[in-house]
PDB file of N, CA and C in Angstrom:
ATOM      1  N   MET A   1       4.083 -16.200 -14.844  1.00  0.00           N
ATOM      2  CA  MET A   1       3.818 -16.392 -13.434  1.00  0.00           C
ATOM      3  C   MET A   1       4.480 -17.670 -12.928  1.00  0.00           C
ATOM      4  N   GLU A   2       4.384 -18.741 -13.736  1.00  0.00           N
ATOM      5  CA  GLU A   2       4.899 -20.028 -13.291  1.00  0.00           C
ATOM      6  C   GLU A   2       6.408 -19.992 -13.077  1.00  0.00           C
ATOM      7  N   LYS A   3       7.113 -19.203 -13.888  1.00  0.00           N
ATOM      8  CA  LYS A   3       8.567 -19.175 -13.731  1.00  0.00           C
ATOM      9  C   LYS A   3       8.976 -18.464 -12.439  1.00  0.00           C
ATOM     10  N   HIS A   4       8.054 -17.716 -11.830  1.00  0.00           N
ATOM     11  CA  HIS A   4       8.341 -17.010 -10.577  1.00  0.00           C
ATOM     12  C   HIS A   4       7.679 -17.679  -9.380  1.00  0.00           C
ATOM     13  N   ALA A   5       7.059 -18.827  -9.597  1.00  0.00           N
ATOM     14  CA  ALA A   5       6.326 -19.504  -8.528  1.00  0.00           C
ATOM     15  C   ALA A   5       7.223 -19.836  -7.340  1.00  0.00           C
ATOM     16  N   ASP A   6       8.436 -20.324  -7.615  1.00  0.00           N
ATOM     17  CA  ASP A   6       9.331 -20.677  -6.513  1.00  0.00           C
ATOM     18  C   ASP A   6       9.744 -19.439  -5.720  1.00  0.00           C
ATOM     19  N   LEU A   7       9.982 -18.323  -6.406  1.00  0.00           N
ATOM     20  CA  LEU A   7      10.345 -17.066  -5.738  1.00  0.00           C
ATOM     21  C   LEU A   7       9.180 -16.569  -4.881  1.00  0.00           C
ATOM     22  N   LEU A   8       7.978 -16.621  -5.433  1.00  0.00           N
ATOM     23  CA  LEU A   8       6.801 -16.181  -4.689  1.00  0.00           C
ATOM     24  C   LEU A   8       6.558 -17.051  -3.461  1.00  0.00           C
ATOM     25  N   THR A   9       6.808 -18.334  -3.583  1.00  0.00           N
ATOM     26  CA  THR A   9       6.649 -19.240  -2.445  1.00  0.00           C
ATOM     27  C   THR A   9       7.644 -18.900  -1.346  1.00  0.00           C
ATOM     28  N   LYS A  10       8.883 -18.604  -1.735  1.00  0.00           N
ATOM     29  CA  LYS A  10       9.899 -18.225  -0.741  1.00  0.00           C
ATOM     30  C   LYS A  10       9.505 -16.931  -0.032  1.00  0.00           C
ATOM     31  N   ILE A  11       9.023 -15.955  -0.795  1.00  0.00           N
ATOM     32  CA  ILE A  11       8.610 -14.678  -0.201  1.00  0.00           C
ATOM     33  C   ILE A  11       7.408 -14.880   0.724  1.00  0.00           C
ATOM     34  N   GLU A  12       6.503 -15.723   0.298  1.00  0.00           N
ATOM     35  CA  GLU A  12       5.299 -15.999   1.076  1.00  0.00           C
ATOM     36  C   GLU A  12       5.638 -16.592   2.444  1.00  0.00           C
ATOM     37  N   ASN A  13       6.701 -17.364   2.508  1.00  0.00           N
ATOM     38  CA  ASN A  13       7.080 -18.033   3.752  1.00  0.00           C
ATOM     39  C   ASN A  13       8.035 -17.218   4.621  1.00  0.00           C
ATOM     40  N   MET A  14       8.380 -16.004   4.208  1.00  0.00           N
ATOM     41  CA  MET A  14       9.293 -15.166   4.980  1.00  0.00           C
ATOM     42  C   MET A  14       8.571 -14.486   6.142  1.00  0.00           C
ATOM     43  N   SER A  15       9.335 -14.226   7.190  1.00  0.00           N
ATOM     44  CA  SER A  15       8.795 -13.467   8.324  1.00  0.00           C
ATOM     45  C   SER A  15       8.819 -11.978   7.959  1.00  0.00           C
ATOM     46  N   VAL A  16       8.188 -11.186   8.788  1.00  0.00           N
ATOM     47  CA  VAL A  16       8.144  -9.748   8.545  1.00  0.00           C
ATOM     48  C   VAL A  16       9.551  -9.151   8.553  1.00  0.00           C
ATOM     49  N   ILE A  17      10.388  -9.605   9.438  1.00  0.00           N
ATOM     50  CA  ILE A  17      11.766  -9.094   9.519  1.00  0.00           C
ATOM     51  C   ILE A  17      12.544  -9.457   8.260  1.00  0.00           C
ATOM     52  N   GLU A  18      12.365 -10.693   7.787  1.00  0.00           N
ATOM     53  CA  GLU A  18      13.041 -11.123   6.571  1.00  0.00           C
ATOM     54  C   GLU A  18      12.550 -10.322   5.355  1.00  0.00           C
ATOM     55  N   LEU A  19      11.243 -10.040   5.303  1.00  0.00           N
ATOM     56  CA  LEU A  19      10.695  -9.230   4.210  1.00  0.00           C
ATOM     57  C   LEU A  19      11.257  -7.813   4.245  1.00  0.00           C
ATOM     58  N   ASN A  20      11.385  -7.270   5.434  1.00  0.00           N
ATOM     59  CA  ASN A  20      11.955  -5.927   5.582  1.00  0.00           C
ATOM     60  C   ASN A  20      13.399  -5.903   5.083  1.00  0.00           C
ATOM     61  N   ASP A  21      14.154  -6.913   5.448  1.00  0.00           N
ATOM     62  CA  ASP A  21      15.541  -6.995   4.986  1.00  0.00           C
ATOM     63  C   ASP A  21      15.607  -7.131   3.462  1.00  0.00           C
ATOM     64  N   LEU A  22      14.697  -7.914   2.885  1.00  0.00           N
ATOM     65  CA  LEU A  22      14.650  -8.100   1.433  1.00  0.00           C
ATOM     66  C   LEU A  22      14.357  -6.770   0.734  1.00  0.00           C
ATOM     67  N   VAL A  23      13.396  -6.031   1.252  1.00  0.00           N
ATOM     68  CA  VAL A  23      13.049  -4.733   0.653  1.00  0.00           C
ATOM     69  C   VAL A  23      14.246  -3.789   0.706  1.00  0.00           C
ATOM     70  N   LYS A  24      14.923  -3.749   1.846  1.00  0.00           N
ATOM     71  CA  LYS A  24      16.102  -2.883   1.973  1.00  0.00           C
ATOM     72  C   LYS A  24      17.197  -3.293   0.980  1.00  0.00           C
ATOM     73  N   ALA A  25      17.392  -4.597   0.819  1.00  0.00           N
ATOM     74  CA  ALA A  25      18.416  -5.088  -0.112  1.00  0.00           C
ATOM     75  C   ALA A  25      18.056  -4.703  -1.549  1.00  0.00           C
ATOM     76  N   ILE A  26      16.783  -4.811  -1.914  1.00  0.00           N
ATOM     77  CA  ILE A  26      16.349  -4.439  -3.269  1.00  0.00           C
ATOM     78  C   ILE A  26      16.519  -2.935  -3.477  1.00  0.00           C
ATOM     79  N   GLU A  27      16.196  -2.153  -2.464  1.00  0.00           N
ATOM     80  CA  GLU A  27      16.354  -0.695  -2.570  1.00  0.00           C
ATOM     81  C   GLU A  27      17.819  -0.330  -2.809  1.00  0.00           C
ATOM     82  N   GLU A  28      18.714  -0.962  -2.053  1.00  0.00           N
ATOM     83  CA  GLU A  28      20.140  -0.668  -2.206  1.00  0.00           C
ATOM     84  C   GLU A  28      20.679  -1.165  -3.544  1.00  0.00           C
ATOM     85  N   LYS A  29      20.304  -2.355  -3.947  1.00  0.00           N
ATOM     86  CA  LYS A  29      20.814  -2.968  -5.172  1.00  0.00           C
ATOM     87  C   LYS A  29      20.412  -2.180  -6.415  1.00  0.00           C
ATOM     88  N   PHE A  30      19.140  -1.752  -6.472  1.00  0.00           N
ATOM     89  CA  PHE A  30      18.629  -1.105  -7.678  1.00  0.00           C
ATOM     90  C   PHE A  30      18.452   0.407  -7.547  1.00  0.00           C
ATOM     91  N   GLY A  31      18.784   0.950  -6.385  1.00  0.00           N
ATOM     92  CA  GLY A  31      18.695   2.401  -6.195  1.00  0.00           C
ATOM     93  C   GLY A  31      17.266   2.938  -6.248  1.00  0.00           C
ATOM     94  N   VAL A  32      16.328   2.176  -5.728  1.00  0.00           N
ATOM     95  CA  VAL A  32      14.928   2.600  -5.698  1.00  0.00           C
ATOM     96  C   VAL A  32      14.455   2.715  -4.258  1.00  0.00           C
ATOM     97  N   SER A  33      13.306   3.330  -4.090  1.00  0.00           N
ATOM     98  CA  SER A  33      12.735   3.448  -2.760  1.00  0.00           C
ATOM     99  C   SER A  33      11.295   2.952  -2.793  1.00  0.00           C
ATOM    100  N   ALA A  34      10.980   1.946  -2.018  1.00  0.00           N
ATOM    101  CA  ALA A  34       9.630   1.397  -1.966  1.00  0.00           C
ATOM    102  C   ALA A  34       8.666   2.410  -1.367  1.00  0.00           C
ATOM    103  N   ALA A  35       9.116   3.222  -0.431  1.00  0.00           N
ATOM    104  CA  ALA A  35       8.247   4.197   0.222  1.00  0.00           C
ATOM    105  C   ALA A  35       7.783   5.274  -0.750  1.00  0.00           C
ATOM    106  N   ALA A  36       8.668   5.766  -1.596  1.00  0.00           N
ATOM    107  CA  ALA A  36       8.307   6.830  -2.531  1.00  0.00           C
ATOM    108  C   ALA A  36       7.297   6.332  -3.564  1.00  0.00           C
ATOM    109  N   VAL A  37       7.442   5.117  -4.025  1.00  0.00           N
ATOM    110  CA  VAL A  37       6.531   4.565  -5.028  1.00  0.00           C
ATOM    111  C   VAL A  37       5.151   4.353  -4.422  1.00  0.00           C
ATOM    112  N   ALA A  38       5.094   3.864  -3.217  1.00  0.00           N
ATOM    113  CA  ALA A  38       3.812   3.591  -2.583  1.00  0.00           C
ATOM    114  C   ALA A  38       3.123   4.879  -2.137  1.00  0.00           C
ATOM    115  N   ALA A  39       3.870   5.888  -1.736  1.00  0.00           N
ATOM    116  CA  ALA A  39       3.280   7.107  -1.195  1.00  0.00           C
ATOM    117  C   ALA A  39       2.701   8.017  -2.280  1.00  0.00           C
ATOM    118  N   ALA A  40       3.312   8.072  -3.431  1.00  0.00           N
ATOM    119  CA  ALA A  40       2.857   8.998  -4.463  1.00  0.00           C
ATOM    120  C   ALA A  40       1.424   8.741  -4.919  1.00  0.00           C
ATOM    121  N   PRO A  41       1.028   7.511  -5.271  1.00  0.00           N
ATOM    122  CA  PRO A  41      -0.359   7.301  -5.676  1.00  0.00           C
ATOM    123  C   PRO A  41      -1.346   7.550  -4.539  1.00  0.00           C
ATOM    124  N   ALA A  42      -0.966   7.215  -3.316  1.00  0.00           N
ATOM    125  CA  ALA A  42      -1.874   7.398  -2.194  1.00  0.00           C
ATOM    126  C   ALA A  42      -2.203   8.871  -1.997  1.00  0.00           C
ATOM    127  N   GLN A  43      -1.212   9.750  -2.126  1.00  0.00           N
ATOM    128  CA  GLN A  43      -1.465  11.178  -1.957  1.00  0.00           C
ATOM    129  C   GLN A  43      -2.350  11.700  -3.073  1.00  0.00           C
ATOM    130  N   GLY A  44      -2.101  11.291  -4.298  1.00  0.00           N
ATOM    131  CA  GLY A  44      -2.902  11.756  -5.424  1.00  0.00           C
ATOM    132  C   GLY A  44      -4.348  11.282  -5.314  1.00  0.00           C
ATOM    133  N   ALA A  45      -4.540  10.037  -4.940  1.00  0.00           N
ATOM    134  CA  ALA A  45      -5.891   9.493  -4.807  1.00  0.00           C
ATOM    135  C   ALA A  45      -6.626  10.163  -3.663  1.00  0.00           C
ATOM    136  N   GLY A  46      -5.935  10.442  -2.579  1.00  0.00           N
ATOM    137  CA  GLY A  46      -6.562  11.101  -1.435  1.00  0.00           C
ATOM    138  C   GLY A  46      -6.988  12.513  -1.767  1.00  0.00           C
ATOM    139  N   ALA A  47      -6.186  13.213  -2.517  1.00  0.00           N
ATOM    140  CA  ALA A  47      -6.530  14.581  -2.891  1.00  0.00           C
ATOM    141  C   ALA A  47      -7.750  14.607  -3.800  1.00  0.00           C
ATOM    142  N   GLU A  48      -7.823  13.668  -4.745  1.00  0.00           N
ATOM    143  CA  GLU A  48      -8.978  13.597  -5.636  1.00  0.00           C
ATOM    144  C   GLU A  48     -10.234  13.266  -4.856  1.00  0.00           C
ATOM    145  N   ALA A  49     -10.133  12.331  -3.934  1.00  0.00           N
ATOM    146  CA  ALA A  49     -11.296  11.917  -3.156  1.00  0.00           C
ATOM    147  C   ALA A  49     -11.815  13.068  -2.307  1.00  0.00           C
ATOM    148  N   ALA A  50     -10.927  13.893  -1.787  1.00  0.00           N
ATOM    149  CA  ALA A  50     -11.350  15.022  -0.981  1.00  0.00           C
ATOM    150  C   ALA A  50     -12.049  16.075  -1.834  1.00  0.00           C
ATOM    151  N   ASP A  51     -11.602  16.257  -3.065  1.00  0.00           N
ATOM    152  CA  ASP A  51     -12.182  17.259  -3.943  1.00  0.00           C
ATOM    153  C   ASP A  51     -13.516  16.815  -4.533  1.00  0.00           C
ATOM    154  N   GLU A  52     -13.682  15.541  -4.756  1.00  0.00           N
ATOM    155  CA  GLU A  52     -14.841  15.034  -5.492  1.00  0.00           C
ATOM    156  C   GLU A  52     -15.604  14.028  -4.653  1.00  0.00           C
ATOM    157  N   LYS A  53     -16.844  14.360  -4.299  1.00  0.00           N
ATOM    158  CA  LYS A  53     -17.678  13.410  -3.588  1.00  0.00           C
ATOM    159  C   LYS A  53     -18.201  12.382  -4.578  1.00  0.00           C
ATOM    160  N   SER A  54     -18.469  11.184  -4.096  1.00  0.00           N
ATOM    161  CA  SER A  54     -18.976  10.148  -4.993  1.00  0.00           C
ATOM    162  C   SER A  54     -20.483   9.968  -4.868  1.00  0.00           C
ATOM    163  N   ALA A  55     -21.070  10.398  -3.761  1.00  0.00           N
ATOM    164  CA  ALA A  55     -22.504  10.233  -3.575  1.00  0.00           C
ATOM    165  C   ALA A  55     -23.115  11.545  -3.079  1.00  0.00           C
ATOM    166  N   TYR A  56     -24.243  11.886  -3.648  1.00  0.00           N
ATOM    167  CA  TYR A  56     -24.922  13.125  -3.310  1.00  0.00           C
ATOM    168  C   TYR A  56     -26.333  12.844  -2.814  1.00  0.00           C
ATOM    169  N   THR A  57     -26.822  13.759  -1.980  1.00  0.00           N
ATOM    170  CA  THR A  57     -28.195  13.709  -1.514  1.00  0.00           C
ATOM    171  C   THR A  57     -28.923  14.902  -2.100  1.00  0.00           C
ATOM    172  N   VAL A  58     -30.074  14.657  -2.721  1.00  0.00           N
ATOM    173  CA  VAL A  58     -30.887  15.737  -3.270  1.00  0.00           C
ATOM    174  C   VAL A  58     -31.861  16.160  -2.174  1.00  0.00           C
ATOM    175  N   HIS A  59     -31.715  17.410  -1.732  1.00  0.00           N
ATOM    176  CA  HIS A  59     -32.510  17.947  -0.630  1.00  0.00           C
ATOM    177  C   HIS A  59     -33.478  18.987  -1.164  1.00  0.00           C
ATOM    178  N   LEU A  60     -34.757  18.750  -0.969  1.00  0.00           N
ATOM    179  CA  LEU A  60     -35.788  19.701  -1.373  1.00  0.00           C
ATOM    180  C   LEU A  60     -35.988  20.677  -0.233  1.00  0.00           C
ATOM    181  N   ALA A  61     -35.547  21.917  -0.427  1.00  0.00           N
ATOM    182  CA  ALA A  61     -35.688  22.941   0.604  1.00  0.00           C
ATOM    183  C   ALA A  61     -37.108  23.493   0.606  1.00  0.00           C
ATOM    184  N   SER A  62     -37.668  23.701  -0.588  1.00  0.00           N
ATOM    185  CA  SER A  62     -39.011  24.262  -0.711  1.00  0.00           C
ATOM    186  C   SER A  62     -39.578  23.896  -2.073  1.00  0.00           C
ATOM    187  N   ALA A  63     -40.881  23.635  -2.118  1.00  0.00           N
ATOM    188  CA  ALA A  63     -41.533  23.311  -3.383  1.00  0.00           C
ATOM    189  C   ALA A  63     -41.762  24.556  -4.228  1.00  0.00           C
ATOM    190  N   GLY A  64     -41.782  25.718  -3.603  1.00  0.00           N
ATOM    191  CA  GLY A  64     -41.977  26.967  -4.338  1.00  0.00           C
ATOM    192  C   GLY A  64     -43.405  27.107  -4.825  1.00  0.00           C
ATOM    193  N   GLU A  65     -43.588  27.899  -5.875  1.00  0.00           N
ATOM    194  CA  GLU A  65     -44.923  28.182  -6.410  1.00  0.00           C
ATOM    195  C   GLU A  65     -45.468  27.022  -7.232  1.00  0.00           C
ATOM    196  N   GLY A  66     -44.615  26.289  -7.911  1.00  0.00           N
ATOM    197  CA  GLY A  66     -45.051  25.224  -8.809  1.00  0.00           C
ATOM    198  C   GLY A  66     -45.110  23.879  -8.122  1.00  0.00           C
ATOM    199  N   LYS A  67     -45.877  23.793  -7.051  1.00  0.00           N
ATOM    200  CA  LYS A  67     -45.925  22.573  -6.243  1.00  0.00           C
ATOM    201  C   LYS A  67     -46.364  21.355  -7.058  1.00  0.00           C
ATOM    202  N   ILE A  68     -47.338  21.511  -7.913  1.00  0.00           N
ATOM    203  CA  ILE A  68     -47.835  20.383  -8.706  1.00  0.00           C
ATOM    204  C   ILE A  68     -46.767  19.920  -9.697  1.00  0.00           C
ATOM    205  N   ALA A  69     -46.092  20.864 -10.327  1.00  0.00           N
ATOM    206  CA  ALA A  69     -45.019  20.507 -11.264  1.00  0.00           C
ATOM    207  C   ALA A  69     -43.883  19.792 -10.535  1.00  0.00           C
ATOM    208  N   VAL A  70     -43.569  20.235  -9.322  1.00  0.00           N
ATOM    209  CA  VAL A  70     -42.523  19.595  -8.519  1.00  0.00           C
ATOM    210  C   VAL A  70     -42.945  18.175  -8.167  1.00  0.00           C
ATOM    211  N   MET A  71     -44.215  17.989  -7.805  1.00  0.00           N
ATOM    212  CA  MET A  71     -44.709  16.640  -7.499  1.00  0.00           C
ATOM    213  C   MET A  71     -44.567  15.720  -8.706  1.00  0.00           C
ATOM    214  N   LYS A  72     -44.855  16.244  -9.896  1.00  0.00           N
ATOM    215  CA  LYS A  72     -44.739  15.437 -11.110  1.00  0.00           C
ATOM    216  C   LYS A  72     -43.295  14.990 -11.336  1.00  0.00           C
ATOM    217  N   VAL A  73     -42.346  15.904 -11.122  1.00  0.00           N
ATOM    218  CA  VAL A  73     -40.924  15.564 -11.299  1.00  0.00           C
ATOM    219  C   VAL A  73     -40.503  14.513 -10.277  1.00  0.00           C
ATOM    220  N   VAL A  74     -40.886  14.707  -9.018  1.00  0.00           N
ATOM    221  CA  VAL A  74     -40.539  13.748  -7.961  1.00  0.00           C
ATOM    222  C   VAL A  74     -41.136  12.386  -8.285  1.00  0.00           C
ATOM    223  N   LYS A  75     -42.397  12.374  -8.721  1.00  0.00           N
ATOM    224  CA  LYS A  75     -43.092  11.129  -9.082  1.00  0.00           C
ATOM    225  C   LYS A  75     -42.358  10.406 -10.210  1.00  0.00           C
ATOM    226  N   GLU A  76     -41.956  11.179 -11.220  1.00  0.00           N
ATOM    227  CA  GLU A  76     -41.282  10.604 -12.388  1.00  0.00           C
ATOM    228  C   GLU A  76     -39.895  10.069 -12.051  1.00  0.00           C
ATOM    229  N   VAL A  77     -39.068  10.891 -11.410  1.00  0.00           N
ATOM    230  CA  VAL A  77     -37.672  10.521 -11.167  1.00  0.00           C
ATOM    231  C   VAL A  77     -37.540   9.409 -10.126  1.00  0.00           C
ATOM    232  N   LEU A  78     -38.358   9.461  -9.084  1.00  0.00           N
ATOM    233  CA  LEU A  78     -38.243   8.472  -8.019  1.00  0.00           C
ATOM    234  C   LEU A  78     -39.163   7.266  -8.227  1.00  0.00           C
ATOM    235  N   ALA A  79     -39.941   7.276  -9.305  1.00  0.00           N
ATOM    236  CA  ALA A  79     -40.864   6.181  -9.631  1.00  0.00           C
ATOM    237  C   ALA A  79     -41.816   5.912  -8.468  1.00  0.00           C
ATOM    238  N   LEU A  80     -42.450   6.992  -7.994  1.00  0.00           N
ATOM    239  CA  LEU A  80     -43.395   6.896  -6.886  1.00  0.00           C
ATOM    240  C   LEU A  80     -44.811   7.072  -7.388  1.00  0.00           C
ATOM    241  N   GLY A  81     -45.754   6.720  -6.534  1.00  0.00           N
ATOM    242  CA  GLY A  81     -47.144   7.014  -6.813  1.00  0.00           C
ATOM    243  C   GLY A  81     -47.404   8.486  -6.530  1.00  0.00           C
ATOM    244  N   LEU A  82     -48.536   8.985  -6.996  1.00  0.00           N
ATOM    245  CA  LEU A  82     -48.857  10.398  -6.831  1.00  0.00           C
ATOM    246  C   LEU A  82     -48.952  10.791  -5.358  1.00  0.00           C
ATOM    247  N   LYS A  83     -49.585   9.961  -4.537  1.00  0.00           N
ATOM    248  CA  LYS A  83     -49.725  10.282  -3.113  1.00  0.00           C
ATOM    249  C   LYS A  83     -48.366  10.331  -2.421  1.00  0.00           C
ATOM    250  N   ASP A  84     -47.489   9.364  -2.732  1.00  0.00           N
ATOM    251  CA  ASP A  84     -46.155   9.350  -2.125  1.00  0.00           C
ATOM    252  C   ASP A  84     -45.355  10.584  -2.532  1.00  0.00           C
ATOM    253  N   ALA A  85     -45.442  10.947  -3.802  1.00  0.00           N
ATOM    254  CA  ALA A  85     -44.737  12.135  -4.286  1.00  0.00           C
ATOM    255  C   ALA A  85     -45.287  13.386  -3.600  1.00  0.00           C
ATOM    256  N   LYS A  86     -46.618  13.468  -3.463  1.00  0.00           N
ATOM    257  CA  LYS A  86     -47.248  14.622  -2.809  1.00  0.00           C
ATOM    258  C   LYS A  86     -46.799  14.715  -1.350  1.00  0.00           C
ATOM    259  N   ASP A  87     -46.789  13.579  -0.648  1.00  0.00           N
ATOM    260  CA  ASP A  87     -46.371  13.567   0.756  1.00  0.00           C
ATOM    261  C   ASP A  87     -44.924  14.041   0.916  1.00  0.00           C
ATOM    262  N   LEU A  88     -44.041  13.620   0.008  1.00  0.00           N
ATOM    263  CA  LEU A  88     -42.642  14.070   0.070  1.00  0.00           C
ATOM    264  C   LEU A  88     -42.540  15.577  -0.140  1.00  0.00           C
ATOM    265  N   VAL A  89     -43.225  16.066  -1.168  1.00  0.00           N
ATOM    266  CA  VAL A  89     -43.153  17.493  -1.488  1.00  0.00           C
ATOM    267  C   VAL A  89     -43.784  18.322  -0.367  1.00  0.00           C
ATOM    268  N   ASP A  90     -44.898  17.849   0.178  1.00  0.00           N
ATOM    269  CA  ASP A  90     -45.552  18.559   1.292  1.00  0.00           C
ATOM    270  C   ASP A  90     -44.677  18.571   2.536  1.00  0.00           C
ATOM    271  N   GLY A  91     -43.800  17.582   2.682  1.00  0.00           N
ATOM    272  CA  GLY A  91     -42.935  17.477   3.858  1.00  0.00           C
ATOM    273  C   GLY A  91     -41.661  18.299   3.766  1.00  0.00           C
ATOM    274  N   ALA A  92     -41.530  19.132   2.732  1.00  0.00           N
ATOM    275  CA  ALA A  92     -40.308  19.929   2.556  1.00  0.00           C
ATOM    276  C   ALA A  92     -40.111  20.832   3.766  1.00  0.00           C
ATOM    277  N   PRO A  93     -38.893  21.016   4.225  1.00  0.00           N
ATOM    278  CA  PRO A  93     -37.624  20.526   3.675  1.00  0.00           C
ATOM    279  C   PRO A  93     -37.413  19.036   3.978  1.00  0.00           C
ATOM    280  N   VAL A  94     -36.947  18.316   2.949  1.00  0.00           N
ATOM    281  CA  VAL A  94     -36.771  16.872   3.077  1.00  0.00           C
ATOM    282  C   VAL A  94     -35.716  16.388   2.075  1.00  0.00           C
ATOM    283  N   ASP A  95     -34.993  15.326   2.460  1.00  0.00           N
ATOM    284  CA  ASP A  95     -34.064  14.684   1.531  1.00  0.00           C
ATOM    285  C   ASP A  95     -34.886  13.781   0.620  1.00  0.00           C
ATOM    286  N   LEU A  96     -34.826  14.045  -0.676  1.00  0.00           N
ATOM    287  CA  LEU A  96     -35.610  13.257  -1.621  1.00  0.00           C
ATOM    288  C   LEU A  96     -34.947  11.931  -1.945  1.00  0.00           C
ATOM    289  N   LYS A  97     -33.636  11.971  -2.196  1.00  0.00           N
ATOM    290  CA  LYS A  97     -32.923  10.737  -2.523  1.00  0.00           C
ATOM    291  C   LYS A  97     -31.474  10.869  -2.086  1.00  0.00           C
ATOM    292  N   LYS A  98     -30.960   9.801  -1.487  1.00  0.00           N
ATOM    293  CA  LYS A  98     -29.580   9.786  -1.006  1.00  0.00           C
ATOM    294  C   LYS A  98     -28.725   8.906  -1.903  1.00  0.00           C
ATOM    295  N   ASP A  99     -27.412   9.089  -1.807  1.00  0.00           N
ATOM    296  CA  ASP A  99     -26.416   8.257  -2.506  1.00  0.00           C
ATOM    297  C   ASP A  99     -26.615   8.225  -4.020  1.00  0.00           C
ATOM    298  N   MET A 100     -26.831   9.389  -4.599  1.00  0.00           N
ATOM    299  CA  MET A 100     -26.961   9.481  -6.058  1.00  0.00           C
ATOM    300  C   MET A 100     -25.618   9.852  -6.656  1.00  0.00           C
ATOM    301  N   LYS A 101     -25.367   9.401  -7.870  1.00  0.00           N
ATOM    302  CA  LYS A 101     -24.168   9.816  -8.590  1.00  0.00           C
ATOM    303  C   LYS A 101     -24.308  11.291  -8.932  1.00  0.00           C
ATOM    304  N   LYS A 102     -23.168  11.947  -9.121  1.00  0.00           N
ATOM    305  CA  LYS A 102     -23.164  13.385  -9.351  1.00  0.00           C
ATOM    306  C   LYS A 102     -24.029  13.792 -10.545  1.00  0.00           C
ATOM    307  N   ALA A 103     -23.878  13.115 -11.665  1.00  0.00           N
ATOM    308  CA  ALA A 103     -24.629  13.479 -12.873  1.00  0.00           C
ATOM    309  C   ALA A 103     -26.129  13.315 -12.660  1.00  0.00           C
ATOM    310  N   GLU A 104     -26.528  12.212 -12.022  1.00  0.00           N
ATOM    311  CA  GLU A 104     -27.942  11.974 -11.757  1.00  0.00           C
ATOM    312  C   GLU A 104     -28.505  13.020 -10.808  1.00  0.00           C
ATOM    313  N   ALA A 105     -27.740  13.335  -9.754  1.00  0.00           N
ATOM    314  CA  ALA A 105     -28.188  14.315  -8.770  1.00  0.00           C
ATOM    315  C   ALA A 105     -28.340  15.692  -9.412  1.00  0.00           C
ATOM    316  N   GLU A 106     -27.388  16.087 -10.247  1.00  0.00           N
ATOM    317  CA  GLU A 106     -27.475  17.395 -10.905  1.00  0.00           C
ATOM    318  C   GLU A 106     -28.645  17.451 -11.882  1.00  0.00           C
ATOM    319  N   ASP A 107     -28.913  16.349 -12.575  1.00  0.00           N
ATOM    320  CA  ASP A 107     -30.042  16.294 -13.498  1.00  0.00           C
ATOM    321  C   ASP A 107     -31.366  16.408 -12.739  1.00  0.00           C
ATOM    322  N   PHE A 108     -31.474  15.688 -11.628  1.00  0.00           N
ATOM    323  CA  PHE A 108     -32.673  15.745 -10.787  1.00  0.00           C
ATOM    324  C   PHE A 108     -32.869  17.160 -10.258  1.00  0.00           C
ATOM    325  N   LYS A 109     -31.779  17.767  -9.788  1.00  0.00           N
ATOM    326  CA  LYS A 109     -31.843  19.137  -9.264  1.00  0.00           C
ATOM    327  C   LYS A 109     -32.319  20.101 -10.351  1.00  0.00           C
ATOM    328  N   LYS A 110     -31.781  19.957 -11.547  1.00  0.00           N
ATOM    329  CA  LYS A 110     -32.154  20.844 -12.655  1.00  0.00           C
ATOM    330  C   LYS A 110     -33.648  20.730 -12.963  1.00  0.00           C
ATOM    331  N   LYS A 111     -34.162  19.498 -13.027  1.00  0.00           N
ATOM    332  CA  LYS A 111     -35.580  19.290 -13.304  1.00  0.00           C
ATOM    333  C   LYS A 111     -36.450  19.912 -12.217  1.00  0.00           C
ATOM    334  N   LEU A 112     -36.037  19.738 -10.960  1.00  0.00           N
ATOM    335  CA  LEU A 112     -36.811  20.305  -9.853  1.00  0.00           C
ATOM    336  C   LEU A 112     -36.802  21.830  -9.883  1.00  0.00           C
ATOM    337  N   GLU A 113     -35.643  22.411 -10.176  1.00  0.00           N
ATOM    338  CA  GLU A 113     -35.548  23.868 -10.237  1.00  0.00           C
ATOM    339  C   GLU A 113     -36.370  24.433 -11.395  1.00  0.00           C
ATOM    340  N   GLU A 114     -36.396  23.713 -12.517  1.00  0.00           N
ATOM    341  CA  GLU A 114     -37.211  24.146 -13.642  1.00  0.00           C
ATOM    342  C   GLU A 114     -38.696  24.125 -13.287  1.00  0.00           C
ATOM    343  N   ALA A 115     -39.077  23.227 -12.377  1.00  0.00           N
ATOM    344  CA  ALA A 115     -40.474  23.132 -11.929  1.00  0.00           C
ATOM    345  C   ALA A 115     -40.783  24.179 -10.858  1.00  0.00           C
ATOM    346  N   GLY A 116     -39.755  24.885 -10.380  1.00  0.00           N
ATOM    347  CA  GLY A 116     -39.971  25.968  -9.417  1.00  0.00           C
ATOM    348  C   GLY A 116     -39.524  25.667  -7.995  1.00  0.00           C
ATOM    349  N   ALA A 117     -38.886  24.527  -7.766  1.00  0.00           N
ATOM    350  CA  ALA A 117     -38.460  24.150  -6.415  1.00  0.00           C
ATOM    351  C   ALA A 117     -37.111  24.761  -6.068  1.00  0.00           C
ATOM    352  N   LYS A 118     -36.870  24.873  -4.772  1.00  0.00           N
ATOM    353  CA  LYS A 118     -35.546  25.270  -4.271  1.00  0.00           C
ATOM    354  C   LYS A 118     -34.879  23.983  -3.786  1.00  0.00           C
ATOM    355  N   VAL A 119     -33.722  23.655  -4.400  1.00  0.00           N
ATOM    356  CA  VAL A 119     -33.074  22.357  -4.171  1.00  0.00           C
ATOM    357  C   VAL A 119     -31.610  22.561  -3.826  1.00  0.00           C
ATOM    358  N   GLU A 120     -31.091  21.688  -2.972  1.00  0.00           N
ATOM    359  CA  GLU A 120     -29.670  21.695  -2.600  1.00  0.00           C
ATOM    360  C   GLU A 120     -29.101  20.296  -2.826  1.00  0.00           C
ATOM    361  N   LEU A 121     -27.834  20.241  -3.198  1.00  0.00           N
ATOM    362  CA  LEU A 121     -27.113  18.961  -3.260  1.00  0.00           C
ATOM    363  C   LEU A 121     -26.194  18.898  -2.056  1.00  0.00           C
ATOM    364  N   LYS A 122     -26.280  17.825  -1.341  1.00  0.00           N
ATOM    365  CA  LYS A 122     -25.415  17.657  -0.160  1.00  0.00           C
ATOM    366  C   LYS A 122     -24.482  16.493  -0.374  1.00  0.00           C
TER     367      LYS A 122
END
């Protein structure tokens, strides 16, 4: 890094027009394109982000027949008291927890469905 300090200082003090000229000169000298290098990762990252959500909301559509079992799961996973868990389950349809990671949300959904609830991931 230290051997390039003077070069970095010169670049740091350049105007936008001078930087543009420098980029064009580097592109011509070495036969590369700054636009192609910068655009390729951005497109790939954008496509992945569109396909894969990072945060999920666990939505309880209905407690179903096993209301008590569903309350136990809600109480356990959300670390709530029995009354709070009962109030959430009684209030269905309701969002139980927001901004969960995919694996956690799917695990919570699986436990709720095993207890008899109808659950959606949003």
